[in-house]
C-alpha atoms as a PDB file:
ATOM      1  CA  MET A   1      17.680 -30.467  14.408  1.00  0.00           C
ATOM      2  CA  PHE A   2      20.899 -32.441  14.698  1.00  0.00           C
ATOM      3  CA  HIS A   3      21.511 -35.206  12.217  1.00  0.00           C
ATOM      4  CA  ILE A   4      24.731 -37.169  12.333  1.00  0.00           C
ATOM      5  CA  PRO A   5      26.044 -38.222   8.933  1.00  0.00           C
ATOM      6  CA  ALA A   6      25.433 -41.866   8.151  1.00  0.00           C
ATOM      7  CA  HIS A   7      28.682 -43.737   8.685  1.00  0.00           C
ATOM      8  CA  LYS A   8      28.582 -47.513   9.018  1.00  0.00           C
ATOM      9  CA  ASN A   9      31.245 -47.477  11.716  1.00  0.00           C
ATOM     10  CA  LEU A  10      29.221 -45.080  13.903  1.00  0.00           C
ATOM     11  CA  ALA A  11      26.000 -47.060  14.132  1.00  0.00           C
ATOM     12  CA  ALA A  12      25.548 -49.434  17.041  1.00  0.00           C
ATOM     13  CA  PRO A  13      24.382 -52.971  16.381  1.00  0.00           C
ATOM     14  CA  ALA A  14      20.716 -53.227  17.345  1.00  0.00           C
ATOM     15  CA  GLY A  15      20.265 -53.412  21.101  1.00  0.00           C
ATOM     16  CA  GLN A  16      23.972 -53.504  21.825  1.00  0.00           C
ATOM     17  CA  TYR A  17      25.766 -51.313  24.384  1.00  0.00           C
ATOM     18  CA  ILE A  18      28.593 -49.085  23.136  1.00  0.00           C
ATOM     19  CA  ALA A  19      31.342 -48.195  25.550  1.00  0.00           C
ATOM     20  CA  PRO A  20      32.619 -44.628  25.300  1.00  0.00           C
ATOM     21  CA  VAL A  21      35.695 -44.030  23.211  1.00  0.00           C
ATOM     22  CA  MET A  22      38.628 -44.208  25.612  1.00  0.00           C
ATOM     23  CA  ARG A  23      41.538 -42.679  23.749  1.00  0.00           C
ATOM     24  CA  ASP A  24      43.859 -40.241  25.430  1.00  0.00           C
ATOM     25  CA  ASP A  25      42.753 -37.528  23.005  1.00  0.00           C
ATOM     26  CA  SER A  26      39.052 -38.407  23.143  1.00  0.00           C
ATOM     27  CA  PRO A  27      36.734 -35.784  24.604  1.00  0.00           C
ATOM     28  CA  LEU A  28      34.969 -37.372  27.520  1.00  0.00           C
ATOM     29  CA  PHE A  29      31.892 -35.886  29.078  1.00  0.00           C
ATOM     30  CA  ASP A  30      33.614 -33.269  31.232  1.00  0.00           C
ATOM     31  CA  VAL A  31      33.988 -29.493  31.166  1.00  0.00           C
ATOM     32  CA  GLU A  32      36.659 -29.621  28.468  1.00  0.00           C
ATOM     33  CA  GLY A  33      34.481 -31.874  26.304  1.00  0.00           C
ATOM     34  CA  ILE A  34      31.441 -29.659  26.819  1.00  0.00           C
ATOM     35  CA  MET A  35      33.460 -26.602  25.790  1.00  0.00           C
ATOM     36  CA  ALA A  36      34.670 -28.382  22.630  1.00  0.00           C
ATOM     37  CA  PHE A  37      31.080 -29.397  21.870  1.00  0.00           C
ATOM     38  CA  GLU A  38      29.808 -25.843  22.382  1.00  0.00           C
ATOM     39  CA  ASP A  39      32.635 -24.489  20.191  1.00  0.00           C
ATOM     40  CA  GLY A  40      31.754 -26.966  17.444  1.00  0.00           C
ATOM     41  CA  THR A  41      35.286 -28.385  17.312  1.00  0.00           C
ATOM     42  CA  LEU A  42      34.401 -32.089  17.773  1.00  0.00           C
ATOM     43  CA  SER A  43      34.698 -34.440  14.806  1.00  0.00           C
ATOM     44  CA  ASP A  44      31.710 -36.705  14.110  1.00  0.00           C
ATOM     45  CA  GLU A  45      33.501 -39.638  15.731  1.00  0.00           C
ATOM     46  CA  ASP A  46      34.447 -37.620  18.803  1.00  0.00           C
ATOM     47  CA  LEU A  47      30.903 -36.260  19.062  1.00  0.00           C
ATOM     48  CA  VAL A  48      29.510 -39.793  19.160  1.00  0.00           C
ATOM     49  CA  GLY A  49      32.017 -40.783  21.854  1.00  0.00           C
ATOM     50  CA  PHE A  50      31.299 -37.611  23.821  1.00  0.00           C
ATOM     51  CA  VAL A  51      27.525 -38.074  23.756  1.00  0.00           C
ATOM     52  CA  GLN A  52      27.757 -41.821  24.439  1.00  0.00           C
ATOM     53  CA  ASP A  53      29.947 -41.135  27.468  1.00  0.00           C
ATOM     54  CA  GLY A  54      27.366 -38.623  28.723  1.00  0.00           C
ATOM     55  CA  ILE A  55      24.612 -41.200  28.216  1.00  0.00           C
ATOM     56  CA  ASN A  56      26.597 -43.926  29.968  1.00  0.00           C
ATOM     57  CA  SER A  57      27.389 -41.700  32.946  1.00  0.00           C
ATOM     58  CA  GLY A  58      23.852 -40.280  33.100  1.00  0.00           C
ATOM     59  CA  LEU A  59      25.201 -36.724  33.208  1.00  0.00           C
ATOM     60  CA  ILE A  60      23.785 -35.746  29.829  1.00  0.00           C
ATOM     61  CA  TRP A  61      20.260 -35.963  31.289  1.00  0.00           C
ATOM     62  CA  LYS A  62      21.136 -33.438  34.017  1.00  0.00           C
ATOM     63  CA  LEU A  63      22.185 -30.605  31.684  1.00  0.00           C
ATOM     64  CA  GLN A  64      20.027 -28.210  29.703  1.00  0.00           C
ATOM     65  CA  GLY A  65      17.390 -29.833  27.537  1.00  0.00           C
ATOM     66  CA  SER A  66      19.257 -29.527  24.238  1.00  0.00           C
ATOM     67  CA  TYR A  67      21.832 -32.080  25.436  1.00  0.00           C
ATOM     68  CA  GLY A  68      19.154 -34.635  26.265  1.00  0.00           C
ATOM     69  CA  ARG A  69      17.356 -34.000  22.992  1.00  0.00           C
ATOM     70  CA  LEU A  70      20.624 -34.455  21.088  1.00  0.00           C
ATOM     71  CA  ALA A  71      21.283 -37.718  22.936  1.00  0.00           C
ATOM     72  CA  MET A  72      17.781 -39.031  22.200  1.00  0.00           C
ATOM     73  CA  GLN A  73      18.115 -38.082  18.512  1.00  0.00           C
ATOM     74  CA  MET A  74      21.481 -39.855  18.287  1.00  0.00           C
ATOM     75  CA  ILE A  75      19.947 -42.939  19.946  1.00  0.00           C
ATOM     76  CA  ARG A  76      17.079 -42.888  17.435  1.00  0.00           C
ATOM     77  CA  ASP A  77      19.560 -42.448  14.551  1.00  0.00           C
ATOM     78  CA  GLY A  78      21.558 -45.466  15.760  1.00  0.00           C
ATOM     79  CA  ALA A  79      24.744 -43.516  16.471  1.00  0.00           C
ATOM     80  CA  CYS A  80      24.431 -44.050  20.266  1.00  0.00           C
ATOM     81  CA  VAL A  81      22.675 -46.578  22.450  1.00  0.00           C
ATOM     82  CA  PRO A  82      20.809 -46.031  25.705  1.00  0.00           C
ATOM     83  CA  ALA A  83      22.473 -46.881  28.989  1.00  0.00           C
ATOM     84  CA  GLU A  84      20.927 -49.574  31.105  1.00  0.00           C
ATOM     85  CA  PRO A  85      18.351 -48.890  32.372  1.00  0.00           C
ATOM     86  CA  CYS A  86      16.967 -46.486  29.806  1.00  0.00           C
ATOM     87  CA  PRO A  87      16.098 -43.166  31.503  1.00  0.00           C
ATOM     88  CA  TYR A  88      12.890 -42.879  29.484  1.00  0.00           C
ATOM     89  CA  HIS A  89      10.073 -45.188  28.584  1.00  0.00           C
ATOM     90  CA  ALA A  90      11.482 -48.188  26.687  1.00  0.00           C
ATOM     91  CA  ARG A  91       9.661 -47.372  23.464  1.00  0.00           C
ATOM     92  CA  ASP A  92      11.485 -44.014  23.296  1.00  0.00           C
ATOM     93  CA  CYS A  93      14.890 -45.703  23.478  1.00  0.00           C
ATOM     94  CA  ALA A  94      14.226 -48.339  20.829  1.00  0.00           C
END
């Protein structure tokens, strides 16, 4: 199972929305970003931005199940936050 390393700067404050990383070199949730994810070439910081962008756009929930499970694990670990409204029962996104 995926476990993101504990970095203080990656964890979201409790209950607070995190906007996706919007740098020119940041992998957004698009085909290029998915290919980088599948190749394993994303840094931890870029992975968080990539997954958070997928959560924010809602697209991560439309791909194969492993993407959604990764997103839910990163939400539980505090690296990402759910989009509003949470796509699952509220207790699962806390």
